[in-house]
Amino acid sequence: MAPLNGAFSLNSLLLTLSVSTVLAICYVIGLAIYNLCFHPLASYPGPKLHAITRIPYLWALVNGDQVRQVHDLHTRYGSVVRICPNELSYTSAEAVKDIYAHRQGKPEMQKNKIFYSMHPGGPTMLTADRQDHARQRRNLSHAFSDSSMRAQEALIRKYIDLLIQRLEEHAESGNKPLNFCSWYNFTTFDVIGDLTFGEPFDCLEKSDYHPWVSMIFDNVKTSSYLKALKYVPGGKWMSSFVVPKRLLERMKTHANITTEKLNKRLALGTDRPDFIGHILQRNEKTFSFDQLKSNSSLLIVAGSETTATLLSGVTYHLLRSPDKLKKVVDEVRMTFAKAEDISITSVGTLSYMLACLDEGLRMYPPVPVGLPRIVPEGGDIIAGKWVSGGTIVSVSHYAAYHSPTNFRNPESFVPERFLGDEIYADDNRPVFNPFSTGPRNCIGRNLAYAEMRLILSKLLFSFDLELADKEQDWLDHKTYTLWEKPELNVKVKKVVR
């Protein structure tokens, strides 16, 4: 009888597997039919495969093609696209207002926690809920005020002057092209390191990346992989197998170095006019150590890479547009007689330079992706149409700024559109919010503009610049939330006065 019992058990197992397989197939087919025909978002335009499953979106995310994919979908389907079964992407100014702006009589739309990485030390100003965000922002805002910027100016200018010194040394030693992406990063990381931890990373001093800075770049890319896995059942468990162990270890090392640097900064006390100093001056109990650590880590990335990215993009576009370059160079060199005259206050008179920076932000936004929010329970109206509660919604910066519906000649670098040129009078300027808008807008906006103006002014005052490879399509690269920038090699010639 034993063989019969064994055969019966095997047949039972095969039957169970067959039934389970059939049920799984029926579930998948049923879910696909529901998503296509009966889902609350079924009436929204978009590819059918994207309506059925999130897989195409996740594939683009881990391959660095998310920004281009969303832009292409908007080009094909219009100002609103269903990019996933439960997610809509927009490119209209009306959607910007409905999703991100202050909502009178309504709570703000909450952030999609899957998109935003939670720091082990607790919520940062980026990830905190409404009440905690208001508290954190209130206690950090003074560090980014106009008076604080003036107090920090000497520190900022010190590193910009060191950048100019290093470039002069290279210019004198020959005409070998320099990778400006790296040099912009050296400068912005040294500035933000000193403003956050009371000491630079010595990137400019050593003309190289600090090992920790290199780790930060790896962490940004790793976070895209981890983000994709969050949408997959068992993704957290899978991360230890899918994501290279080397990258996970670097994330831990990053946290340890943050702790070490923060402890050193706290030992310096409250007298320095930097971010930590302002927090401690207001109230030492405002932030716990873990919250200081979490926000310090955020400030290092947000206050450096984004500024360096915008400067890289503006430099590329200016060097590809000789007429625009001449205008901004003439403005700088006619305004200032000597480099010492260039200050946070004086660069405020450079209207064409500001237009170049704004056009750079439009053409090459440092954060090109849409920042997702969750429609509150009960649903809401977005861009004139009802959207069900729980839907993920966002406005893609890159797609919105490159839409011909919003901007005339969207693929052309035209600073004049920000100076009242009548040809561009119909541009949909309200959609342009590279620092976001509403209660969650970027707290470092003024610092970023001041730093970008100072760096670009000093560069154009001191050097003649030329692309080393005029045929390079530098803009053809991938994104992992932020741009993965290739080398931007520039020939540098010192201006003789």
Protein backbone atom coordinates (compact mmCIF):
# COMPACT_ATOMS: atom_id res chain seq x y z
CA MET A 1 0.00 0.00 0.00
CA ALA A 2 2.95 2.34 0.55
CA PRO A 3 3.51 2.97 -3.19
CA LEU A 4 -0.18 3.81 -3.61
CA ASN A 5 -0.07 6.24 -0.69
CA GLY A 6 3.01 7.86 -2.22
CA ALA A 7 1.33 8.17 -5.60
CA PHE A 8 -1.78 9.60 -3.96
CA SER A 9 0.29 12.19 -2.11
CA LEU A 10 2.12 13.16 -5.30
CA ASN A 11 -1.15 13.45 -7.21
CA SER A 12 -2.60 15.61 -4.42
CA LEU A 13 0.44 17.87 -4.53
CA LEU A 14 0.24 18.20 -8.31
CA LEU A 15 -3.49 18.92 -8.11
CA THR A 16 -2.91 21.58 -5.44
CA LEU A 17 -0.18 23.20 -7.53
CA SER A 18 -2.36 23.12 -10.63
CA VAL A 19 -5.31 24.69 -8.83
CA SER A 20 -3.03 27.33 -7.26
CA THR A 21 -1.54 28.15 -10.65
CA VAL A 22 -4.97 28.47 -12.26
CA LEU A 23 -6.18 30.67 -9.41
CA ALA A 24 -3.08 32.86 -9.67
CA ILE A 25 -3.55 33.25 -13.42
CA CYS A 26 -7.23 34.06 -12.93
CA TYR A 27 -6.30 36.64 -10.29
CA VAL A 28 -3.76 38.32 -12.57
CA ILE A 29 -6.22 38.37 -15.49
CA GLY A 30 -9.01 39.63 -13.26
CA LEU A 31 -6.78 42.37 -11.82
CA ALA A 32 -5.73 43.42 -15.32
CA ILE A 33 -9.37 43.64 -16.45
CA TYR A 34 -10.28 45.61 -13.32
CA ASN A 35 -7.39 48.06 -13.76
CA LEU A 36 -8.23 48.60 -17.42
CA CYS A 37 -12.02 48.80 -17.22
CA PHE A 38 -13.30 49.38 -13.68
CA HIS A 39 -10.51 51.13 -11.74
CA PRO A 40 -11.32 54.76 -10.70
CA LEU A 41 -8.48 55.89 -13.00
CA ALA A 42 -9.68 53.84 -15.99
CA SER A 43 -10.77 56.96 -17.89
CA TYR A 44 -7.34 58.61 -17.74
CA PRO A 45 -5.08 58.35 -20.82
CA GLY A 46 -1.91 56.29 -20.88
CA PRO A 47 -0.44 53.00 -22.15
CA LYS A 48 -2.55 49.96 -21.31
CA LEU A 49 0.45 48.08 -19.92
CA HIS A 50 1.13 50.92 -17.46
CA ALA A 51 -2.53 50.78 -16.40
CA ILE A 52 -2.26 47.05 -15.73
CA THR A 53 1.05 46.90 -13.86
CA ARG A 54 3.77 49.07 -12.32
CA ILE A 55 6.51 46.92 -13.91
CA PRO A 56 7.30 49.24 -16.90
CA TYR A 57 7.65 52.19 -14.53
CA LEU A 58 9.89 50.27 -12.10
CA TRP A 59 12.02 48.99 -14.98
CA ALA A 60 12.59 52.57 -16.12
CA LEU A 61 13.33 53.63 -12.53
CA VAL A 62 16.11 51.09 -11.93
CA ASN A 63 17.56 51.70 -15.41
CA GLY A 64 17.71 55.47 -14.97
CA ASP A 65 15.13 56.13 -17.71
CA GLN A 66 12.20 57.31 -15.58
CA VAL A 67 12.44 61.01 -16.51
CA ARG A 68 12.63 60.36 -20.25
CA GLN A 69 9.85 57.78 -20.06
CA VAL A 70 7.43 60.14 -18.30
CA HIS A 71 8.32 62.98 -20.69
CA ASP A 72 7.68 60.73 -23.70
CA LEU A 73 4.32 59.64 -22.25
CA HIS A 74 3.23 63.25 -21.79
CA THR A 75 4.33 64.06 -25.34
CA ARG A 76 2.09 61.25 -26.55
CA TYR A 77 -0.91 61.50 -24.22
CA GLY A 78 -1.07 65.11 -23.03
CA SER A 79 -0.98 67.02 -19.75
CA VAL A 80 -2.14 64.13 -17.56
CA VAL A 81 -1.02 60.52 -17.93
CA ARG A 82 -1.73 57.35 -16.00
CA ILE A 83 1.84 56.13 -15.52
CA CYS A 84 0.97 53.26 -13.14
CA PRO A 85 -2.26 51.53 -12.08
CA ASN A 86 -2.70 53.93 -9.16
CA GLU A 87 -0.55 56.90 -10.22
CA LEU A 88 -1.07 60.00 -12.36
CA SER A 89 1.55 62.40 -13.71
CA TYR A 90 0.68 66.00 -14.66
CA THR A 91 2.36 68.88 -16.48
CA SER A 92 -0.11 71.73 -15.92
CA ALA A 93 0.14 74.81 -13.69
CA GLU A 94 -3.34 74.02 -12.37
CA ALA A 95 -2.06 70.65 -11.13
CA VAL A 96 0.94 72.32 -9.45
CA LYS A 97 -1.46 74.48 -7.46
CA ASP A 98 -3.85 71.64 -6.61
CA ILE A 99 -1.13 69.19 -5.52
CA TYR A 100 1.61 71.26 -3.88
CA ALA A 101 0.38 74.76 -3.00
CA HIS A 102 -1.26 75.92 0.22
CA ARG A 103 -4.76 74.43 0.20
CA GLN A 104 -7.11 76.85 1.91
CA GLY A 105 -9.50 74.96 4.17
CA LYS A 106 -7.88 71.64 3.26
CA PRO A 107 -4.89 69.73 4.65
CA GLU A 108 -1.83 69.46 2.43
CA MET A 109 -1.50 66.32 0.37
CA GLN A 110 0.79 63.92 2.20
CA LYS A 111 4.01 62.70 0.64
CA ASN A 112 4.26 59.19 -0.76
CA LYS A 113 6.42 57.46 1.87
CA ILE A 114 7.56 54.80 -0.58
CA PHE A 115 9.27 57.48 -2.68
CA TYR A 116 10.93 59.29 0.22
CA SER A 117 13.64 57.32 2.01
CA MET A 118 13.13 57.31 5.77
CA HIS A 119 16.32 58.01 7.73
CA PRO A 120 17.07 55.58 10.61
CA GLY A 121 17.34 58.59 12.95
CA GLY A 122 13.75 59.61 12.30
CA PRO A 123 11.85 61.93 9.96
CA THR A 124 13.77 64.79 8.38
CA MET A 125 12.24 68.06 7.26
CA LEU A 126 11.74 66.28 3.91
CA THR A 127 9.84 63.29 5.32
CA ALA A 128 8.17 64.60 8.50
CA ASP A 129 4.40 64.77 8.80
CA ARG A 130 2.59 68.11 8.62
CA GLN A 131 2.97 69.17 12.26
CA ASP A 132 6.53 67.93 12.72
CA HIS A 133 7.56 69.47 9.41
CA ALA A 134 6.23 72.86 10.52
CA ARG A 135 8.20 72.60 13.78
CA GLN A 136 11.43 71.54 12.05
CA ARG A 137 11.11 74.17 9.34
CA ARG A 138 10.40 76.90 11.88
CA ASN A 139 13.59 76.07 13.76
CA LEU A 140 15.73 75.77 10.63
CA SER A 141 14.37 78.74 8.71
CA HIS A 142 16.51 81.33 10.52
CA ALA A 143 19.64 79.55 9.28
CA PHE A 144 18.51 80.31 5.70
CA SER A 145 17.36 83.91 6.23
CA ASP A 146 18.87 86.90 4.42
CA SER A 147 20.68 88.02 7.57
CA SER A 148 22.17 84.55 8.04
CA MET A 149 23.35 84.50 4.42
CA ARG A 150 25.15 87.78 4.94
CA ALA A 151 26.79 86.34 8.05
CA GLN A 152 27.81 83.24 6.07
CA GLU A 153 29.03 85.17 3.02
CA ALA A 154 32.70 85.30 4.04
CA LEU A 155 32.71 81.53 4.48
CA ILE A 156 31.04 80.94 1.11
CA ARG A 157 33.34 83.35 -0.73
CA LYS A 158 36.40 81.69 0.80
CA TYR A 159 35.67 78.46 -1.06
CA ILE A 160 34.70 80.20 -4.29
CA ASP A 161 38.02 82.08 -4.18
CA LEU A 162 39.79 78.76 -3.64
CA LEU A 163 37.98 77.37 -6.70
CA ILE A 164 39.25 80.31 -8.78
CA GLN A 165 42.76 79.80 -7.41
CA ARG A 166 42.76 76.11 -8.34
CA LEU A 167 41.48 76.84 -11.85
CA GLU A 168 44.14 79.52 -12.31
CA GLU A 169 46.81 77.00 -11.33
CA HIS A 170 45.49 74.55 -13.93
CA ALA A 171 45.22 77.26 -16.58
CA GLU A 172 48.84 78.28 -16.03
CA SER A 173 50.11 74.70 -16.20
CA GLY A 174 48.61 74.06 -19.64
CA ASN A 175 45.36 73.99 -21.53
CA LYS A 176 44.22 70.53 -20.45
CA PRO A 177 40.40 70.50 -20.19
CA LEU A 178 38.87 70.31 -16.72
CA ASN A 179 35.76 68.37 -15.72
CA PHE A 180 33.58 71.21 -14.47
CA CYS A 181 31.03 68.82 -12.97
CA SER A 182 33.68 67.72 -10.50
CA TRP A 183 34.91 71.25 -9.77
CA TYR A 184 31.40 72.51 -9.11
CA ASN A 185 30.84 69.56 -6.78
CA PHE A 186 34.15 70.19 -5.01
CA THR A 187 33.02 73.75 -4.30
CA THR A 188 29.45 73.11 -3.23
CA PHE A 189 30.37 70.15 -1.03
CA ASP A 190 33.09 72.16 0.73
CA VAL A 191 30.66 75.03 1.30
CA ILE A 192 27.85 72.85 2.63
CA GLY A 193 30.28 70.78 4.70
CA ASP A 194 31.47 73.90 6.51
CA LEU A 195 27.95 75.31 6.87
CA THR A 196 26.68 72.02 8.32
CA PHE A 197 29.59 70.44 10.20
CA GLY A 198 31.96 73.36 10.75
CA GLU A 199 34.61 71.94 8.44
CA PRO A 200 34.95 71.39 4.67
CA PHE A 201 35.49 68.08 2.94
CA ASP A 202 38.79 69.49 1.56
CA CYS A 203 37.76 68.64 -2.00
CA LEU A 204 39.16 71.94 -3.32
CA GLU A 205 42.25 71.69 -1.16
CA LYS A 206 43.09 68.26 -2.57
CA SER A 207 41.46 68.74 -6.00
CA ASP A 208 39.62 65.47 -5.48
CA TYR A 209 36.49 64.00 -3.95
CA HIS A 210 36.47 63.16 -0.26
CA PRO A 211 35.72 59.41 0.04
CA TRP A 212 32.49 60.23 1.85
CA VAL A 213 31.31 62.44 -1.00
CA SER A 214 31.86 59.57 -3.43
CA MET A 215 29.76 57.40 -1.12
CA ILE A 216 26.93 59.93 -1.24
CA PHE A 217 26.71 59.56 -5.04
CA ASP A 218 26.51 55.78 -4.68
CA ASN A 219 23.82 56.13 -2.01
CA VAL A 220 21.62 58.25 -4.29
CA LYS A 221 21.72 55.54 -6.95
CA THR A 222 21.19 52.77 -4.40
CA SER A 223 18.10 54.55 -3.08
CA SER A 224 16.48 54.20 -6.53
CA TYR A 225 16.95 50.43 -6.40
CA LEU A 226 15.58 50.26 -2.86
CA LYS A 227 12.67 52.48 -3.87
CA ALA A 228 11.72 50.08 -6.66
CA LEU A 229 11.91 47.11 -4.30
CA LYS A 230 9.46 48.76 -1.89
CA TYR A 231 6.72 48.20 -4.46
CA VAL A 232 7.51 44.47 -4.66
CA PRO A 233 6.10 41.97 -2.11
CA GLY A 234 9.03 40.87 0.04
CA GLY A 235 11.15 43.66 -1.42
CA LYS A 236 12.83 44.52 1.87
CA TRP A 237 14.02 40.93 2.22
CA MET A 238 15.08 40.87 -1.44
CA SER A 239 17.17 44.04 -1.09
CA SER A 240 19.98 42.15 0.63
CA PHE A 241 20.28 39.94 -2.48
CA VAL A 242 19.45 42.34 -5.31
CA VAL A 243 21.38 45.44 -4.21
CA PRO A 244 25.16 44.89 -4.17
CA LYS A 245 26.40 44.39 -0.61
CA ARG A 246 29.09 47.00 -1.25
CA LEU A 247 26.43 49.68 -1.74
CA LEU A 248 24.46 48.69 1.37
CA GLU A 249 27.67 48.82 3.42
CA ARG A 250 28.40 52.29 2.08
CA MET A 251 25.00 53.48 3.30
CA LYS A 252 25.91 52.29 6.81
CA THR A 253 29.32 53.96 6.58
CA HIS A 254 27.63 57.18 5.50
CA ALA A 255 25.51 57.14 8.68
CA ASN A 256 28.56 56.48 10.86
CA ILE A 257 30.56 59.35 9.35
CA THR A 258 27.58 61.67 9.78
CA THR A 259 27.53 60.81 13.50
CA GLU A 260 31.27 61.43 13.82
CA LYS A 261 31.17 64.80 12.04
CA LEU A 262 28.09 65.97 13.93
CA ASN A 263 29.72 65.20 17.27
CA LYS A 264 32.76 67.26 16.24
CA ARG A 265 30.53 70.16 15.21
CA LEU A 266 28.51 70.09 18.45
CA ALA A 267 31.76 70.36 20.39
CA LEU A 268 32.40 73.75 18.72
CA GLY A 269 29.40 75.32 20.49
CA THR A 270 26.90 77.91 19.30
CA ASP A 271 29.04 80.83 18.12
CA ARG A 272 29.58 79.82 14.47
CA PRO A 273 27.06 81.34 12.00
CA ASP A 274 26.26 77.97 10.44
CA PHE A 275 23.19 75.73 10.37
CA ILE A 276 23.88 73.86 13.61
CA GLY A 277 24.84 77.09 15.36
CA HIS A 278 21.47 78.66 14.53
CA ILE A 279 19.59 75.60 15.77
CA LEU A 280 21.52 75.49 19.04
CA GLN A 281 21.12 79.22 19.62
CA ARG A 282 17.34 78.93 19.44
CA ASN A 283 16.97 75.97 21.74
CA GLU A 284 19.28 73.04 22.34
CA LYS A 285 16.23 70.78 22.83
CA THR A 286 14.61 71.74 19.53
CA PHE A 287 16.14 68.71 17.81
CA SER A 288 17.26 65.43 19.29
CA PHE A 289 20.69 64.18 18.27
CA ASP A 290 19.10 61.70 15.87
CA GLN A 291 17.04 64.47 14.26
CA LEU A 292 20.13 66.66 13.91
CA LYS A 293 21.91 63.72 12.32
CA SER A 294 19.06 63.00 9.90
CA ASN A 295 18.72 66.62 8.82
CA SER A 296 22.48 67.10 8.54
CA SER A 297 22.65 64.19 6.13
CA LEU A 298 19.79 65.72 4.13
CA LEU A 299 21.41 69.17 4.02
CA ILE A 300 24.69 67.77 2.71
CA VAL A 301 23.01 66.24 -0.34
CA ALA A 302 20.29 68.84 -0.94
CA GLY A 303 22.67 71.76 -0.44
CA SER A 304 25.45 70.59 -2.71
CA GLU A 305 24.58 68.21 -5.54
CA THR A 306 21.55 70.17 -6.75
CA THR A 307 23.48 73.47 -6.93
CA ALA A 308 26.42 71.83 -8.71
CA THR A 309 24.03 70.15 -11.15
CA LEU A 310 22.36 73.42 -12.12
CA LEU A 311 25.73 75.12 -12.61
CA SER A 312 26.86 72.24 -14.83
CA GLY A 313 23.72 72.48 -16.95
CA VAL A 314 23.91 76.27 -17.29
CA THR A 315 27.60 76.10 -18.21
CA TYR A 316 26.90 73.54 -20.93
CA HIS A 317 24.03 75.54 -22.42
CA LEU A 318 25.97 78.82 -22.34
CA LEU A 319 29.02 77.28 -24.00
CA ARG A 320 26.74 75.81 -26.70
CA SER A 321 25.16 79.26 -27.22
CA PRO A 322 27.91 81.81 -28.04
CA ASP A 323 25.49 84.74 -28.29
CA LYS A 324 24.04 84.05 -24.83
CA LEU A 325 27.51 83.52 -23.40
CA LYS A 326 28.71 86.86 -24.75
CA LYS A 327 25.74 88.67 -23.21
CA VAL A 328 26.28 87.28 -19.72
CA VAL A 329 30.08 87.69 -19.88
CA ASP A 330 29.68 91.31 -20.97
CA GLU A 331 27.20 91.92 -18.15
CA VAL A 332 29.61 90.55 -15.53
CA ARG A 333 32.74 92.26 -16.82
CA MET A 334 31.03 95.61 -17.36
CA THR A 335 29.49 95.52 -13.87
CA PHE A 336 32.62 94.67 -11.89
CA ALA A 337 36.04 96.34 -12.08
CA LYS A 338 37.69 93.77 -9.83
CA ALA A 339 36.83 90.36 -8.41
CA GLU A 340 36.60 91.74 -4.87
CA ASP A 341 33.51 93.72 -5.91
CA ILE A 342 31.55 90.51 -6.50
CA SER A 343 29.33 89.88 -3.47
CA ILE A 344 25.94 88.43 -2.57
CA THR A 345 24.48 91.94 -2.74
CA SER A 346 26.18 93.11 -5.94
CA VAL A 347 25.34 90.00 -8.02
CA GLY A 348 21.70 90.84 -7.42
CA THR A 349 22.00 93.48 -10.16
CA LEU A 350 22.90 90.89 -12.83
CA SER A 351 19.51 90.47 -14.48
CA TYR A 352 20.72 88.54 -17.52
CA MET A 353 22.66 86.11 -15.35
CA LEU A 354 19.55 85.46 -13.26
CA ALA A 355 17.63 84.81 -16.48
CA CYS A 356 20.35 82.34 -17.54
CA LEU A 357 20.07 80.51 -14.22
CA ASP A 358 16.27 80.38 -14.45
CA GLU A 359 16.45 79.11 -18.02
CA GLY A 360 18.98 76.55 -16.84
CA LEU A 361 16.56 75.44 -14.14
CA ARG A 362 13.86 75.07 -16.79
CA MET A 363 16.00 73.19 -19.29
CA TYR A 364 17.86 71.06 -16.75
CA PRO A 365 16.04 71.00 -13.38
CA PRO A 366 18.35 69.46 -10.74
CA VAL A 367 15.44 67.37 -9.44
CA PRO A 368 13.77 66.42 -12.74
CA VAL A 369 11.29 63.87 -11.39
CA GLY A 370 7.81 64.49 -10.06
CA LEU A 371 7.59 64.60 -6.26
CA PRO A 372 4.65 62.31 -5.45
CA ARG A 373 1.79 63.12 -3.11
CA ILE A 374 -1.20 61.05 -1.99
CA VAL A 375 -4.74 62.25 -2.69
CA PRO A 376 -6.55 62.35 0.69
CA GLU A 377 -9.31 59.92 1.59
CA GLY A 378 -12.53 60.89 -0.13
CA GLY A 379 -10.79 62.16 -3.26
CA ASP A 380 -10.15 65.64 -4.58
CA ILE A 381 -10.22 67.78 -7.71
CA ILE A 382 -6.93 68.04 -9.62
CA ALA A 383 -6.69 70.06 -12.83
CA GLY A 384 -10.47 70.24 -13.00
CA LYS A 385 -11.15 66.52 -12.68
CA TRP A 386 -12.01 64.36 -9.67
CA VAL A 387 -9.31 61.93 -8.51
CA SER A 388 -10.06 59.12 -6.06
CA GLY A 389 -8.51 59.03 -2.60
CA GLY A 390 -5.24 57.12 -2.26
CA THR A 391 -4.10 57.92 -5.81
CA ILE A 392 -0.44 58.92 -6.17
CA VAL A 393 -0.10 62.22 -8.06
CA SER A 394 2.81 64.42 -9.11
CA VAL A 395 3.96 67.08 -11.57
CA SER A 396 7.10 66.05 -13.45
CA HIS A 397 9.48 69.03 -13.51
CA TYR A 398 11.29 67.92 -16.65
CA ALA A 399 8.15 66.99 -18.60
CA ALA A 400 6.33 70.18 -17.56
CA TYR A 401 9.23 72.46 -18.46
CA HIS A 402 9.80 70.76 -21.81
CA SER A 403 6.14 70.76 -22.83
CA PRO A 404 5.31 72.92 -25.89
CA THR A 405 1.95 73.52 -24.23
CA ASN A 406 3.75 75.39 -21.44
CA PHE A 407 6.78 76.93 -23.19
CA ARG A 408 7.44 78.19 -26.69
CA ASN A 409 10.51 76.49 -28.22
CA PRO A 410 10.87 74.31 -25.11
CA GLU A 411 14.09 72.63 -26.29
CA SER A 412 15.88 75.95 -26.92
CA PHE A 413 18.00 77.74 -24.31
CA VAL A 414 16.49 81.25 -24.32
CA PRO A 415 17.14 83.31 -21.15
CA GLU A 416 15.22 86.18 -22.75
CA ARG A 417 11.95 84.37 -22.01
CA PHE A 418 12.50 85.37 -18.35
CA LEU A 419 13.17 89.01 -19.26
CA GLY A 420 9.81 89.88 -20.78
CA ASP A 421 10.55 89.06 -24.44
CA GLU A 422 7.18 89.41 -26.19
CA ILE A 423 7.80 86.30 -28.28
CA TYR A 424 7.54 84.29 -25.06
CA ALA A 425 4.70 86.26 -23.47
CA ASP A 426 2.42 83.22 -23.65
CA ASP A 427 4.81 80.94 -21.75
CA ASN A 428 2.99 79.28 -18.86
CA ARG A 429 5.28 80.66 -16.15
CA PRO A 430 3.13 79.55 -13.16
CA VAL A 431 4.08 75.92 -13.94
CA PHE A 432 7.75 76.78 -13.35
CA ASN A 433 8.54 75.88 -9.73
CA PRO A 434 11.99 74.22 -9.65
CA PHE A 435 12.19 74.75 -5.87
CA SER A 436 8.60 73.48 -5.46
CA THR A 437 5.84 75.60 -3.95
CA GLY A 438 3.55 75.69 -0.95
CA PRO A 439 4.37 74.63 2.62
CA ARG A 440 6.99 72.12 1.45
CA ASN A 441 8.97 74.37 -0.89
CA CYS A 442 12.77 74.30 -0.72
CA ILE A 443 14.04 76.12 2.36
CA GLY A 444 17.45 76.65 0.74
CA ARG A 445 16.24 78.52 -2.36
CA ASN A 446 17.86 81.86 -1.49
CA LEU A 447 21.15 80.22 -0.52
CA ALA A 448 21.19 78.26 -3.78
CA TYR A 449 20.62 81.37 -5.91
CA ALA A 450 23.28 83.34 -4.00
CA GLU A 451 25.83 80.55 -4.33
CA MET A 452 25.11 80.00 -8.04
CA ARG A 453 25.36 83.71 -8.84
CA LEU A 454 28.60 84.12 -6.91
CA ILE A 455 30.28 81.09 -8.48
CA LEU A 456 29.20 81.86 -12.05
CA SER A 457 30.07 85.57 -11.73
CA LYS A 458 33.57 84.86 -10.44
CA LEU A 459 34.15 82.25 -13.14
CA LEU A 460 33.04 84.44 -16.03
CA PHE A 461 34.92 87.44 -14.64
CA SER A 462 38.17 85.47 -14.33
CA PHE A 463 38.17 83.05 -17.28
CA ASP A 464 37.26 82.53 -20.90
CA LEU A 465 35.57 79.13 -21.19
CA GLU A 466 35.18 76.75 -24.13
CA LEU A 467 33.78 73.24 -24.48
CA ALA A 468 36.53 70.69 -25.10
CA ASP A 469 34.20 68.49 -27.16
CA LYS A 470 31.74 70.61 -29.12
CA GLU A 471 30.07 67.50 -30.60
CA GLN A 472 29.24 65.91 -27.25
CA ASP A 473 25.55 65.58 -26.42
CA TRP A 474 26.18 66.10 -22.73
CA LEU A 475 22.47 66.10 -21.88
CA ASP A 476 22.03 62.47 -22.92
CA HIS A 477 22.33 60.75 -19.55
CA LYS A 478 20.34 58.88 -16.95
CA THR A 479 18.55 59.86 -13.75
CA TYR A 480 18.28 58.16 -10.38
CA THR A 481 16.04 60.81 -8.79
CA LEU A 482 18.98 63.15 -9.55
CA TRP A 483 20.93 63.32 -12.81
CA GLU A 484 23.86 60.95 -13.29
CA LYS A 485 26.08 63.54 -14.94
CA PRO A 486 28.86 62.61 -17.37
CA GLU A 487 32.07 64.62 -17.50
CA LEU A 488 31.70 68.20 -18.68
CA ASN A 489 35.18 68.97 -19.98
CA VAL A 490 35.93 72.66 -20.43
CA LYS A 491 39.00 74.55 -21.65
CA VAL A 492 39.93 77.35 -19.27
CA LYS A 493 41.90 80.48 -20.20
CA LYS A 494 42.66 83.13 -17.61
CA VAL A 495 41.57 86.67 -18.49
CA VAL A 496 44.55 89.05 -18.45
CA ARG A 497 43.82 92.53 -17.12
